[in-house]
């Protein structure tokens, strides 16, 4: 017998991430070995003989004073001289280990800064994501003078037209959603149970998605004015809600005040001359037509994040973009492609945000495990306390959708949840943006019945519709997904219109206008009941969590207080909620 299970506190105490400089007891069970060595490394490899007590081998390990990742595995020596290498399972999710004959996978300990804290309003809060052009149309005092935009009626389906500027479907078609439209629906969102509004980009840009920023200092005039933004933040605050902005700091638009490839701005942009004050923000391989751009999209010139002038523009206390919008009312930032931003840039961004407001949130788009993401040739840990408060939880999204739609057994979902508790510090874990749908994935209802439109033309994707039976199945499965989200730690997140029954394949059809007057009211009621129960329940927001698979089709989730909540604060003893969820 040989056994180590990193998901169980017997084998690692304390379980999960630990503060720098603290100690952790690691145990290994074996009735065969005559000696066992604990092998670790963070910068260099070290070996520690483990102490034996019957079949239990243990070692009390003092962790480094620096943050980062520590890896460990075991070498067992048998009476006949054989050497056994025992490490983590190969799927990277920790838990019960295995003997390795070729290579060796190691268990992970996340070492975080003891002073790491995340905004308390994020812990267990409910989030609602809005694509601003498509949520609600209402008058604005702003005036848009650009003539390169196409306008559609609210009940008109998305047009199909190749856009050579972005090598994708048309992006300069607008439905006219505004900030005032969001403000006028705050009561609806509050009644739905929402506590945080996450807005896709709102700054001036060429496209309807606005990930091609034209001017970071201005609200896009189609969306509204500065006063209307501040009014949205003020009225949201009166209802106990927060507004989180989308920060696109990896690249700008080519049609921007900074690059100005079309001359639409009066100031000289980088593409217009080497004497532009913005020239050094970009990397030209051959001026002016060949430059580094985001993922090869010529309309998205990549910014040099190490450029001192760009960093000053973003972070300076007086009028830097990051602190200024927080002072205007935003609760913080969701960072687009956070894993493509250098770690030093993220540290400075975090410092600027927290200086503007101590509890400002800095949440990143990281699609993989944010504790050990490999990017640009290095392993990056975003949860040690110096970069991000938390991330969008795409691994959980995949696990929930796959479980509920029957692609994987319950145990796979359980492993993902337990793994995240193992590698994410609790303040990071309880701030995770747990989503099912988003602006760059097919609608959750589509994903849940396999109608994501893969391999189809844009025309075929647009024409895709559900039969009544298909919709009933998708809606039932969505309710089950939401049950799971609301039972787990973190922030259950609804993408606008999912609660109303919106369907759609990936971009652009996951961005259809909200169906005002045509909502699935029964689904709305269900979502509202779940989110509001979650909002009112302290044990669901802050309680400790146990999860197990009862069988391939059923998970059991227990949230509880045992005198303290998950964040270490005193809480009522013997308080719990238990959910048995069958797919």
Protein backbone atom coordinates (compact mmCIF):
# COMPACT_ATOMS: atom_id res chain seq x y z
CA UNK A 1 0.00 0.00 0.00
CA UNK A 2 1.15 3.52 -0.88
CA UNK A 3 -1.09 6.54 -0.55
CA UNK A 4 -1.05 10.32 -0.43
CA UNK A 5 -4.16 12.37 -1.18
CA UNK A 6 -3.56 16.11 -1.32
CA UNK A 7 -7.30 16.83 -1.14
CA UNK A 8 -7.57 15.38 2.37
CA UNK A 9 -6.34 17.25 5.46
CA UNK A 10 -4.90 14.08 7.02
CA UNK A 11 -2.24 13.97 4.33
CA UNK A 12 -1.49 17.69 4.33
CA UNK A 13 -2.13 19.91 7.30
CA UNK A 14 -3.09 22.65 6.91
CA UNK A 15 -4.78 21.67 3.68
CA UNK A 16 -4.70 23.94 0.66
CA UNK A 17 -2.54 27.04 0.16
CA UNK A 18 -0.40 28.31 3.01
CA UNK A 19 1.16 31.62 3.99
CA UNK A 20 4.84 32.21 3.32
CA UNK A 21 7.11 31.23 6.22
CA UNK A 22 4.59 28.89 7.86
CA UNK A 23 4.82 25.14 8.32
CA UNK A 24 2.88 22.26 6.83
CA UNK A 25 2.82 18.61 7.90
CA UNK A 26 2.90 16.18 4.96
CA UNK A 27 1.96 12.52 5.48
CA UNK A 28 2.38 9.43 3.35
CA UNK A 29 0.96 5.96 4.01
CA UNK A 30 2.98 2.85 3.20
CA UNK A 31 3.23 -0.59 4.79
CA UNK A 32 5.87 -1.68 2.29
CA UNK A 33 8.64 0.91 2.53
CA UNK A 34 11.62 0.74 4.85
CA UNK A 35 12.26 4.45 4.30
CA UNK A 36 10.52 7.33 2.49
CA UNK A 37 12.01 10.59 1.28
CA UNK A 38 9.96 13.74 0.72
CA UNK A 39 11.38 15.50 -2.33
CA UNK A 40 10.62 19.22 -2.83
CA UNK A 41 11.65 22.13 -4.97
CA UNK A 42 10.82 25.76 -5.47
CA UNK A 43 14.11 27.01 -6.88
CA UNK A 44 16.27 24.01 -6.07
CA UNK A 45 15.65 20.38 -5.23
CA UNK A 46 15.74 19.23 -1.60
CA UNK A 47 15.18 15.87 0.06
CA UNK A 48 13.87 15.21 3.59
CA UNK A 49 13.79 11.79 5.28
CA UNK A 50 10.28 11.21 6.63
CA UNK A 51 9.59 9.97 10.16
CA UNK A 52 7.75 6.69 10.63
CA UNK A 53 4.88 5.88 12.99
CA UNK A 54 3.55 2.49 11.99
CA UNK A 55 2.39 2.78 8.38
CA UNK A 56 2.33 6.59 8.52
CA UNK A 57 5.32 8.58 7.34
CA UNK A 58 5.41 12.31 8.06
CA UNK A 59 7.53 15.42 7.80
CA UNK A 60 6.92 18.95 9.13
CA UNK A 61 8.07 21.24 6.35
CA UNK A 62 8.94 24.89 6.91
CA UNK A 63 7.99 26.88 3.83
CA UNK A 64 10.11 29.65 2.30
CA UNK A 65 9.51 33.27 3.23
CA UNK A 66 8.90 34.07 -0.43
CA UNK A 67 5.65 33.48 -2.30
CA UNK A 68 5.31 31.09 -5.21
CA UNK A 69 4.77 27.40 -5.87
CA UNK A 70 6.41 24.55 -4.01
CA UNK A 71 6.29 21.10 -5.59
CA UNK A 72 6.70 17.78 -3.82
CA UNK A 73 6.59 14.04 -4.38
CA UNK A 74 7.86 10.90 -2.66
CA UNK A 75 10.58 8.32 -3.12
CA UNK A 76 9.96 5.04 -1.28
CA UNK A 77 12.66 2.45 -0.69
CA UNK A 78 11.54 -1.20 -0.43
CA UNK A 79 13.24 -4.04 1.49
CA UNK A 80 14.45 -5.66 -1.74
CA UNK A 81 16.24 -2.48 -2.78
CA UNK A 82 13.66 -1.33 -5.28
CA UNK A 83 12.89 2.38 -5.51
CA UNK A 84 9.30 3.57 -6.03
CA UNK A 85 8.52 7.07 -7.27
CA UNK A 86 5.12 8.31 -6.11
CA UNK A 87 3.59 11.56 -7.30
CA UNK A 88 0.45 13.41 -8.33
CA UNK A 89 -2.12 12.16 -10.87
CA UNK A 90 -1.35 13.17 -14.43
CA UNK A 91 -4.52 15.23 -14.97
CA UNK A 92 -3.07 18.07 -12.87
CA UNK A 93 -5.99 18.12 -10.44
CA UNK A 94 -4.22 16.72 -7.38
CA UNK A 95 -5.92 14.34 -4.99
CA UNK A 96 -4.94 10.68 -4.73
CA UNK A 97 -1.50 10.11 -6.17
CA UNK A 98 -0.03 7.21 -8.09
CA UNK A 99 3.19 5.36 -8.76
CA UNK A 100 5.13 6.77 -11.71
CA UNK A 101 7.45 4.65 -13.77
CA UNK A 102 8.13 7.13 -16.57
CA UNK A 103 8.59 10.71 -15.45
CA UNK A 104 7.10 12.12 -12.29
CA UNK A 105 4.22 14.49 -11.68
CA UNK A 106 4.37 16.44 -8.44
CA UNK A 107 1.88 17.81 -5.94
CA UNK A 108 1.59 21.59 -5.60
CA UNK A 109 1.52 23.90 -2.60
CA UNK A 110 0.62 27.53 -3.28
CA UNK A 111 2.53 29.88 -0.99
CA UNK A 112 0.86 33.27 -0.68
CA UNK A 113 1.54 36.54 1.11
CA UNK A 114 0.05 36.50 4.59
CA UNK A 115 -1.26 40.04 4.08
CA UNK A 116 -3.13 39.10 0.88
CA UNK A 117 -6.73 40.24 1.10
CA UNK A 118 -9.45 40.63 -1.51
CA UNK A 119 -12.43 43.02 -1.40
CA UNK A 120 -15.00 41.80 1.09
CA UNK A 121 -17.89 42.79 -1.20
CA UNK A 122 -16.62 40.22 -3.73
CA UNK A 123 -16.80 37.24 -1.41
CA UNK A 124 -19.71 35.13 -2.59
CA UNK A 125 -21.37 38.04 -4.42
CA UNK A 126 -23.64 37.55 -7.44
CA UNK A 127 -22.38 39.01 -10.73
CA UNK A 128 -24.26 39.99 -13.88
CA UNK A 129 -22.31 40.53 -17.11
CA UNK A 130 -23.61 43.09 -19.59
CA UNK A 131 -22.61 43.64 -23.22
CA UNK A 132 -23.58 47.32 -23.20
CA UNK A 133 -24.76 47.76 -26.80
CA UNK A 134 -27.20 44.88 -26.41
CA UNK A 135 -28.77 45.24 -22.97
CA UNK A 136 -31.26 48.11 -23.22
CA UNK A 137 -31.80 51.09 -25.49
CA UNK A 138 -32.55 54.44 -23.87
CA UNK A 139 -31.86 58.08 -24.74
CA UNK A 140 -28.44 59.56 -24.00
CA UNK A 141 -27.24 63.14 -23.94
CA UNK A 142 -24.09 62.20 -25.82
CA UNK A 143 -23.69 63.02 -29.50
CA UNK A 144 -21.96 60.61 -31.86
CA UNK A 145 -20.46 62.33 -34.89
CA UNK A 146 -18.94 59.30 -36.60
CA UNK A 147 -20.43 58.20 -39.91
CA UNK A 148 -18.97 54.68 -40.09
CA UNK A 149 -21.66 52.99 -38.02
CA UNK A 150 -24.63 50.88 -39.01
CA UNK A 151 -27.77 50.80 -36.90
CA UNK A 152 -30.21 47.94 -36.42
CA UNK A 153 -33.64 47.64 -34.91
CA UNK A 154 -33.83 45.96 -31.51
CA UNK A 155 -35.89 43.04 -32.83
CA UNK A 156 -33.71 42.60 -35.93
CA UNK A 157 -31.28 39.67 -35.98
CA UNK A 158 -27.56 40.25 -36.34
CA UNK A 159 -26.32 40.98 -39.82
CA UNK A 160 -23.75 38.79 -41.52
CA UNK A 161 -21.07 40.78 -43.26
CA UNK A 162 -17.34 40.08 -43.38
CA UNK A 163 -15.30 42.86 -41.81
CA UNK A 164 -11.82 42.98 -43.30
CA UNK A 165 -10.65 45.33 -40.56
CA UNK A 166 -10.96 42.62 -37.90
CA UNK A 167 -10.93 39.47 -40.08
CA UNK A 168 -14.30 38.51 -38.61
CA UNK A 169 -17.99 39.27 -38.89
CA UNK A 170 -19.27 42.84 -38.98
CA UNK A 171 -18.42 44.74 -35.79
CA UNK A 172 -19.61 48.26 -36.60
CA UNK A 173 -23.32 47.43 -36.34
CA UNK A 174 -25.04 48.85 -33.27
CA UNK A 175 -28.37 48.35 -31.53
CA UNK A 176 -28.10 51.42 -29.34
CA UNK A 177 -27.86 50.05 -25.82
CA UNK A 178 -26.78 52.78 -23.40
CA UNK A 179 -25.61 53.38 -19.85
CA UNK A 180 -28.93 55.09 -19.17
CA UNK A 181 -30.65 51.91 -20.35
CA UNK A 182 -28.74 49.98 -17.70
CA UNK A 183 -29.52 52.58 -15.05
CA UNK A 184 -33.23 52.38 -15.82
CA UNK A 185 -33.11 48.61 -15.24
CA UNK A 186 -31.20 48.65 -11.96
CA UNK A 187 -34.36 47.81 -10.03
CA UNK A 188 -34.87 44.76 -12.26
CA UNK A 189 -31.27 43.67 -11.71
CA UNK A 190 -31.50 44.24 -7.96
CA UNK A 191 -34.72 42.23 -7.79
CA UNK A 192 -32.99 39.48 -9.79
CA UNK A 193 -30.45 39.24 -6.97
CA UNK A 194 -27.48 40.95 -8.63
CA UNK A 195 -24.79 42.63 -6.55
CA UNK A 196 -22.03 43.38 -9.09
CA UNK A 197 -22.48 44.58 -12.66
CA UNK A 198 -19.58 43.65 -14.93
CA UNK A 199 -19.68 45.78 -18.09
CA UNK A 200 -17.85 44.85 -21.25
CA UNK A 201 -15.77 47.82 -22.49
CA UNK A 202 -17.49 51.19 -22.47
CA UNK A 203 -14.71 53.41 -23.82
CA UNK A 204 -14.77 55.07 -27.22
CA UNK A 205 -13.97 52.56 -29.98
CA UNK A 206 -14.71 51.65 -33.59
CA UNK A 207 -16.42 48.33 -32.85
CA UNK A 208 -19.57 47.31 -30.99
CA UNK A 209 -17.55 45.10 -28.61
CA UNK A 210 -15.09 47.95 -27.92
CA UNK A 211 -12.07 45.74 -27.28
CA UNK A 212 -10.32 48.01 -29.81
CA UNK A 213 -10.07 51.03 -27.52
CA UNK A 214 -10.03 54.40 -29.27
CA UNK A 215 -9.73 56.65 -26.21
CA UNK A 216 -9.41 55.39 -22.63
CA UNK A 217 -10.44 58.77 -21.26
CA UNK A 218 -13.88 58.93 -22.89
CA UNK A 219 -17.14 57.02 -22.72
CA UNK A 220 -18.19 55.91 -26.18
CA UNK A 221 -20.77 58.54 -27.23
CA UNK A 222 -23.19 55.84 -28.34
CA UNK A 223 -23.27 54.61 -24.74
CA UNK A 224 -23.51 57.91 -22.95
CA UNK A 225 -21.74 60.71 -21.15
CA UNK A 226 -19.43 60.88 -18.16
CA UNK A 227 -22.33 62.20 -16.11
CA UNK A 228 -24.48 59.23 -17.12
CA UNK A 229 -21.73 56.82 -16.10
CA UNK A 230 -21.37 58.48 -12.71
CA UNK A 231 -25.14 58.41 -12.29
CA UNK A 232 -25.14 54.66 -13.04
CA UNK A 233 -22.47 54.08 -10.39
CA UNK A 234 -24.24 56.32 -7.87
CA UNK A 235 -27.66 54.70 -8.28
CA UNK A 236 -26.14 51.23 -8.23
CA UNK A 237 -24.41 52.10 -4.98
CA UNK A 238 -27.73 53.24 -3.49
CA UNK A 239 -29.05 49.73 -4.16
CA UNK A 240 -25.97 48.10 -2.67
CA UNK A 241 -24.55 47.20 -6.08
CA UNK A 242 -21.13 47.75 -7.65
CA UNK A 243 -20.01 48.44 -11.23
CA UNK A 244 -16.89 46.68 -12.54
CA UNK A 245 -15.25 47.88 -15.75
CA UNK A 246 -13.44 45.93 -18.47
CA UNK A 247 -9.80 46.99 -18.85
CA UNK A 248 -8.24 46.29 -22.25
CA UNK A 249 -4.60 47.17 -21.66
CA UNK A 250 -2.80 44.66 -23.89
CA UNK A 251 -3.61 46.49 -27.13
CA UNK A 252 -5.50 49.46 -28.52
CA UNK A 253 -7.49 49.92 -31.71
CA UNK A 254 -5.76 51.01 -34.89
CA UNK A 255 -8.56 53.58 -35.10
CA UNK A 256 -7.52 55.29 -31.87
CA UNK A 257 -6.05 58.52 -30.67
CA UNK A 258 -2.87 56.56 -29.89
CA UNK A 259 -2.32 54.75 -33.23
CA UNK A 260 -4.63 56.85 -35.46
CA UNK A 261 -4.21 54.82 -38.63
CA UNK A 262 -7.21 56.50 -40.29
CA UNK A 263 -6.56 60.04 -39.15
CA UNK A 264 -9.91 60.29 -37.36
CA UNK A 265 -8.26 61.98 -34.37
CA UNK A 266 -6.59 65.40 -34.50
CA UNK A 267 -3.54 64.30 -32.50
CA UNK A 268 -0.67 62.63 -34.33
CA UNK A 269 -0.76 58.88 -33.73
CA UNK A 270 2.01 56.29 -33.80
CA UNK A 271 1.22 55.16 -37.36
CA UNK A 272 1.49 58.73 -38.63
CA UNK A 273 5.08 59.44 -37.76
CA UNK A 274 8.03 58.49 -35.60
CA UNK A 275 7.77 61.85 -33.87
CA UNK A 276 4.36 60.97 -32.40
CA UNK A 277 4.45 60.89 -28.61
CA UNK A 278 2.77 57.50 -28.87
CA UNK A 279 5.26 55.97 -31.32
CA UNK A 280 7.23 54.12 -28.65
CA UNK A 281 4.04 52.59 -27.25
CA UNK A 282 4.11 50.16 -30.18
CA UNK A 283 6.60 47.85 -31.87
CA UNK A 284 7.09 48.50 -35.58
CA UNK A 285 8.94 45.87 -37.56
CA UNK A 286 8.61 47.99 -40.69
CA UNK A 287 7.11 51.46 -40.36
CA UNK A 288 4.26 52.14 -40.84
CA UNK A 289 2.59 49.00 -42.19
CA UNK A 290 4.15 46.14 -40.24
CA UNK A 291 3.77 46.18 -36.49
CA UNK A 292 3.18 43.79 -33.62
CA UNK A 293 -0.50 43.21 -33.10
CA UNK A 294 -2.69 41.09 -30.86
CA UNK A 295 -2.97 37.53 -32.22
CA UNK A 296 -2.30 38.80 -35.73
CA UNK A 297 -5.32 41.11 -35.89
CA UNK A 298 -4.10 44.21 -37.73
CA UNK A 299 -6.84 46.34 -36.19
CA UNK A 300 -5.45 45.62 -32.69
CA UNK A 301 -1.88 46.96 -32.47
CA UNK A 302 -0.17 45.59 -29.39
CA UNK A 303 1.07 48.00 -26.75
CA UNK A 304 4.51 47.78 -25.14
CA UNK A 305 3.51 47.22 -21.54
CA UNK A 306 7.08 47.90 -20.40
CA UNK A 307 7.06 51.40 -21.90
CA UNK A 308 7.46 53.94 -19.04
CA UNK A 309 5.22 56.52 -20.71
CA UNK A 310 2.45 53.96 -21.23
CA UNK A 311 2.74 52.81 -17.63
CA UNK A 312 2.60 56.41 -16.42
CA UNK A 313 -0.49 57.01 -18.58
CA UNK A 314 -2.15 53.99 -16.98
CA UNK A 315 -1.03 54.18 -13.36
CA UNK A 316 -0.07 57.68 -12.25
CA UNK A 317 -1.96 58.91 -9.18
CA UNK A 318 -3.21 62.17 -10.65
CA UNK A 319 -4.95 61.14 -13.87
CA UNK A 320 -3.87 57.58 -14.65
CA UNK A 321 -6.55 55.52 -16.35
CA UNK A 322 -6.67 52.77 -13.71
CA UNK A 323 -7.17 55.00 -10.64
CA UNK A 324 -9.24 57.69 -12.38
CA UNK A 325 -12.15 55.44 -13.33
CA UNK A 326 -12.18 53.96 -9.85
CA UNK A 327 -12.49 57.44 -8.40
CA UNK A 328 -15.36 58.10 -10.80
CA UNK A 329 -17.35 55.26 -9.30
CA UNK A 330 -16.15 51.90 -10.63
CA UNK A 331 -15.43 49.22 -8.03
CA UNK A 332 -12.43 48.05 -10.03
CA UNK A 333 -11.38 46.21 -13.15
CA UNK A 334 -11.84 42.95 -14.96
CA UNK A 335 -8.65 42.67 -17.03
CA UNK A 336 -8.91 41.42 -20.59
CA UNK A 337 -6.28 38.76 -21.44
CA UNK A 338 -4.66 39.21 -18.04
CA UNK A 339 -2.31 36.32 -18.74
CA UNK A 340 -0.83 38.30 -21.64
CA UNK A 341 0.11 41.20 -19.36
CA UNK A 342 3.60 41.01 -17.79
CA UNK A 343 3.65 40.21 -14.09
CA UNK A 344 5.43 43.47 -13.29
CA UNK A 345 2.73 45.38 -15.16
CA UNK A 346 0.04 43.57 -13.16
CA UNK A 347 1.78 44.37 -9.88
CA UNK A 348 1.90 48.07 -10.74
CA UNK A 349 -1.72 47.99 -11.90
CA UNK A 350 -2.80 46.39 -8.64
CA UNK A 351 -0.90 48.98 -6.63
CA UNK A 352 -2.49 51.83 -8.58
CA UNK A 353 -6.00 50.41 -8.14
CA UNK A 354 -5.61 49.75 -4.41
CA UNK A 355 -4.11 53.18 -3.85
CA UNK A 356 -7.16 54.77 -5.47
CA UNK A 357 -9.47 52.65 -3.32
CA UNK A 358 -8.32 50.06 -0.83
CA UNK A 359 -11.05 47.57 -1.69
CA UNK A 360 -10.90 48.05 -5.47
CA UNK A 361 -11.13 44.73 -7.28
CA UNK A 362 -8.60 43.49 -9.83
CA UNK A 363 -10.02 40.40 -11.54
CA UNK A 364 -8.31 38.73 -14.47
CA UNK A 365 -9.27 36.82 -17.58
CA UNK A 366 -7.25 33.62 -17.22
CA UNK A 367 -8.78 30.60 -18.92
CA UNK A 368 -6.66 27.91 -17.29
CA UNK A 369 -5.54 27.12 -13.75
CA UNK A 370 -4.52 30.56 -12.49
CA UNK A 371 -2.16 29.11 -9.89
CA UNK A 372 0.28 27.65 -12.41
CA UNK A 373 -0.46 29.13 -15.85
CA UNK A 374 2.43 28.82 -18.29
CA UNK A 375 2.63 31.99 -20.40
CA UNK A 376 5.47 33.32 -22.51
CA UNK A 377 7.82 30.58 -21.38
CA UNK A 378 7.35 30.99 -17.64
CA UNK A 379 5.03 29.56 -15.03
CA UNK A 380 2.92 32.29 -13.46
CA UNK A 381 0.97 32.16 -10.23
CA UNK A 382 -1.70 34.84 -10.05
CA UNK A 383 -2.97 34.04 -6.57
CA UNK A 384 -0.10 34.83 -4.20
CA UNK A 385 -1.32 38.34 -3.36
CA UNK A 386 0.71 40.65 -5.59
CA UNK A 387 -1.20 40.64 -8.91
CA UNK A 388 -4.86 39.57 -9.14
CA UNK A 389 -7.62 39.35 -6.56
CA UNK A 390 -9.21 36.51 -8.53
CA UNK A 391 -10.07 35.31 -12.04
CA UNK A 392 -12.87 34.25 -14.36
CA UNK A 393 -13.43 30.58 -13.60
CA UNK A 394 -13.45 28.90 -17.01
CA UNK A 395 -12.28 25.47 -15.72
CA UNK A 396 -15.32 25.30 -13.44
CA UNK A 397 -17.57 26.42 -16.31
CA UNK A 398 -16.34 23.52 -18.42
CA UNK A 399 -16.70 21.05 -15.56
CA UNK A 400 -20.28 22.09 -14.75
CA UNK A 401 -21.50 22.20 -18.36
CA UNK A 402 -19.86 18.86 -19.14
CA UNK A 403 -21.30 17.21 -16.04
CA UNK A 404 -24.85 18.52 -16.46
CA UNK A 405 -24.94 17.70 -20.18
CA UNK A 406 -23.75 14.15 -19.48
CA UNK A 407 -20.26 14.32 -20.96
CA UNK A 408 -18.39 13.48 -17.72
CA UNK A 409 -19.31 11.76 -14.44
CA UNK A 410 -19.90 13.64 -11.20
CA UNK A 411 -16.46 12.70 -9.91
CA UNK A 412 -14.82 14.91 -12.56
CA UNK A 413 -16.73 17.96 -11.32
CA UNK A 414 -15.81 17.05 -7.74
CA UNK A 415 -12.13 16.82 -8.65
CA UNK A 416 -12.13 20.27 -10.24
CA UNK A 417 -13.82 21.86 -7.22
CA UNK A 418 -11.49 20.15 -4.75
CA UNK A 419 -8.44 21.04 -6.80
CA UNK A 420 -9.33 24.72 -6.83
CA UNK A 421 -9.73 24.66 -3.05
CA UNK A 422 -6.30 23.01 -2.90
CA UNK A 423 -4.42 25.61 -4.98
CA UNK A 424 -6.36 28.88 -4.54
CA UNK A 425 -6.09 30.85 -1.27
CA UNK A 426 -9.52 31.13 0.33
CA UNK A 427 -9.79 34.90 -0.29
CA UNK A 428 -9.08 34.24 -3.98
CA UNK A 429 -11.38 31.21 -4.12
CA UNK A 430 -14.36 33.06 -2.65
CA UNK A 431 -13.93 35.85 -5.22
CA UNK A 432 -13.85 33.63 -8.31
CA UNK A 433 -16.15 34.75 -11.12
CA UNK A 434 -18.04 31.48 -11.62
CA UNK A 435 -19.60 31.85 -15.04
CA UNK A 436 -21.64 29.70 -17.42
CA UNK A 437 -21.89 32.08 -20.37
CA UNK A 438 -19.89 35.03 -21.68
CA UNK A 439 -19.48 37.30 -24.67
CA UNK A 440 -16.91 35.04 -26.35
CA UNK A 441 -18.54 31.64 -25.93
CA UNK A 442 -21.78 30.16 -27.22
CA UNK A 443 -24.78 30.73 -24.98
CA UNK A 444 -25.06 28.32 -22.07
CA UNK A 445 -28.37 26.96 -23.39
CA UNK A 446 -26.65 26.05 -26.65
CA UNK A 447 -23.69 24.44 -24.93
CA UNK A 448 -25.95 22.34 -22.73
CA UNK A 449 -27.57 20.51 -25.65
CA UNK A 450 -24.64 20.44 -28.07
CA UNK A 451 -25.88 23.18 -30.40
CA UNK A 452 -22.77 25.35 -30.35
CA UNK A 453 -22.57 25.67 -34.12
CA UNK A 454 -19.12 24.18 -34.62
CA UNK A 455 -18.26 23.72 -38.27
CA UNK A 456 -21.23 25.78 -39.44
CA UNK A 457 -21.19 28.87 -41.60
CA UNK A 458 -22.26 32.18 -40.05
CA UNK A 459 -25.54 31.97 -41.95
CA UNK A 460 -26.20 28.48 -40.57
CA UNK A 461 -25.33 29.61 -37.04
CA UNK A 462 -27.67 32.58 -37.27
CA UNK A 463 -30.51 30.37 -38.52
CA UNK A 464 -30.10 27.81 -35.74
CA UNK A 465 -33.19 27.51 -33.56
CA UNK A 466 -34.34 25.12 -30.83
CA UNK A 467 -37.34 22.84 -31.02
CA UNK A 468 -39.68 23.16 -28.00
CA UNK A 469 -38.31 19.90 -26.59
CA UNK A 470 -34.71 21.03 -27.07
CA UNK A 471 -35.39 24.33 -25.34
CA UNK A 472 -37.14 22.61 -22.43
CA UNK A 473 -34.14 20.32 -21.96
CA UNK A 474 -31.65 23.19 -22.19
CA UNK A 475 -33.60 25.32 -19.70
CA UNK A 476 -33.87 22.43 -17.26
CA UNK A 477 -30.14 21.82 -17.50
CA UNK A 478 -29.41 25.53 -17.05
CA UNK A 479 -31.40 25.50 -13.82
CA UNK A 480 -29.28 22.58 -12.61
CA UNK A 481 -26.10 24.46 -13.52
CA UNK A 482 -27.29 27.46 -11.57
CA UNK A 483 -28.10 25.24 -8.58
CA UNK A 484 -24.47 24.10 -8.59
CA UNK A 485 -23.10 27.63 -9.01
CA UNK A 486 -25.17 28.94 -6.12
CA UNK A 487 -24.12 26.06 -3.87
CA UNK A 488 -20.37 26.50 -4.42
CA UNK A 489 -17.93 29.10 -3.06
CA UNK A 490 -17.22 32.08 -5.30
CA UNK A 491 -19.41 34.46 -7.27
CA UNK A 492 -22.27 32.92 -9.29
CA UNK A 493 -22.40 34.85 -12.56
CA UNK A 494 -25.19 35.35 -15.09
CA UNK A 495 -24.49 36.57 -18.62
CA UNK A 496 -27.16 39.08 -19.65
CA UNK A 497 -30.18 37.38 -21.19
CA UNK A 498 -29.31 33.87 -20.04
CA UNK A 499 -31.96 34.25 -17.35
CA UNK A 500 -34.45 35.24 -20.06
CA UNK A 501 -33.75 32.30 -22.36
CA UNK A 502 -31.46 33.88 -24.95
CA UNK A 503 -29.77 31.38 -27.27
CA UNK A 504 -26.92 31.77 -29.71
CA UNK A 505 -23.79 30.22 -31.12
CA UNK A 506 -20.41 31.93 -30.57
CA UNK A 507 -19.60 35.54 -31.47
CA UNK A 508 -21.53 37.36 -32.74
CA UNK A 509 -24.68 35.33 -32.02
CA UNK A 510 -24.00 35.08 -28.29
CA UNK A 511 -24.40 38.87 -28.30
CA UNK A 512 -28.00 39.20 -29.41
CA UNK A 513 -30.10 42.01 -27.87
CA UNK A 514 -31.85 41.29 -24.59
CA UNK A 515 -35.37 40.02 -25.42
CA UNK A 516 -37.42 42.62 -23.55
CA UNK A 517 -41.07 41.60 -23.72
CA UNK A 518 -40.23 38.10 -24.90
CA UNK A 519 -38.51 36.68 -21.83
CA UNK A 520 -38.89 33.17 -20.50
CA UNK A 521 -40.54 34.42 -17.32
CA UNK A 522 -40.47 31.02 -15.62
CA UNK A 523 -36.72 30.80 -16.07
CA UNK A 524 -36.36 34.39 -14.84
CA UNK A 525 -38.29 33.55 -11.69
CA UNK A 526 -36.11 30.52 -11.05
CA UNK A 527 -32.87 32.49 -11.51
CA UNK A 528 -34.17 35.27 -9.27
CA UNK A 529 -35.16 32.84 -6.53
CA UNK A 530 -31.74 31.17 -6.58
CA UNK A 531 -29.70 34.37 -6.69
CA UNK A 532 -31.74 36.03 -3.95
CA UNK A 533 -31.50 33.00 -1.71
CA UNK A 534 -27.77 33.05 -2.28
CA UNK A 535 -27.57 36.78 -1.55
CA UNK A 536 -29.39 36.38 1.77
CA UNK A 537 -27.58 33.24 2.94
CA UNK A 538 -24.42 33.91 4.93
CA UNK A 539 -23.50 30.24 4.92
CA UNK A 540 -23.64 30.11 1.10
CA UNK A 541 -21.56 33.25 0.76
CA UNK A 542 -18.94 32.53 3.39
CA UNK A 543 -19.42 28.95 4.58
CA UNK A 544 -16.91 26.15 4.28
CA UNK A 545 -17.56 23.61 1.54
CA UNK A 546 -17.58 19.85 1.19
CA UNK A 547 -18.41 18.15 -2.11
CA UNK A 548 -18.71 14.50 -3.03
CA UNK A 549 -20.01 12.35 -5.85
CA UNK A 550 -22.82 10.07 -4.66
CA UNK A 551 -22.84 8.34 -8.04
CA UNK A 552 -21.98 9.19 -11.62
CA UNK A 553 -25.04 11.44 -11.94
CA UNK A 554 -25.28 13.07 -8.50
CA UNK A 555 -23.21 15.49 -6.43
CA UNK A 556 -23.72 16.40 -2.81
CA UNK A 557 -22.57 19.85 -1.64
CA UNK A 558 -22.50 20.83 2.01
CA UNK A 559 -21.92 24.44 3.07
CA UNK A 560 -21.43 24.94 6.77
CA UNK A 561 -20.08 26.95 9.68
CA UNK A 562 -18.29 25.14 12.47
CA UNK A 563 -17.83 28.17 14.70
CA UNK A 564 -15.88 29.98 11.96
CA UNK A 565 -16.52 30.77 8.33
CA UNK A 566 -14.15 29.89 5.50
CA UNK A 567 -12.35 33.21 5.88
CA UNK A 568 -11.53 32.53 9.53
CA UNK A 569 -14.11 34.81 11.11
CA UNK A 570 -16.39 33.79 13.96
CA UNK A 571 -19.72 32.43 12.76
CA UNK A 572 -22.70 30.58 14.21
CA UNK A 573 -21.89 26.96 15.02
CA UNK A 574 -23.89 24.07 13.54
CA UNK A 575 -25.18 26.12 10.61
CA UNK A 576 -25.36 24.34 7.27
CA UNK A 577 -27.12 23.97 3.95
CA UNK A 578 -26.93 20.71 2.03
CA UNK A 579 -27.70 20.22 -1.67
CA UNK A 580 -28.09 16.93 -3.48
CA UNK A 581 -28.03 17.77 -7.17
CA UNK A 582 -28.91 15.19 -9.81
CA UNK A 583 -28.26 15.96 -13.45
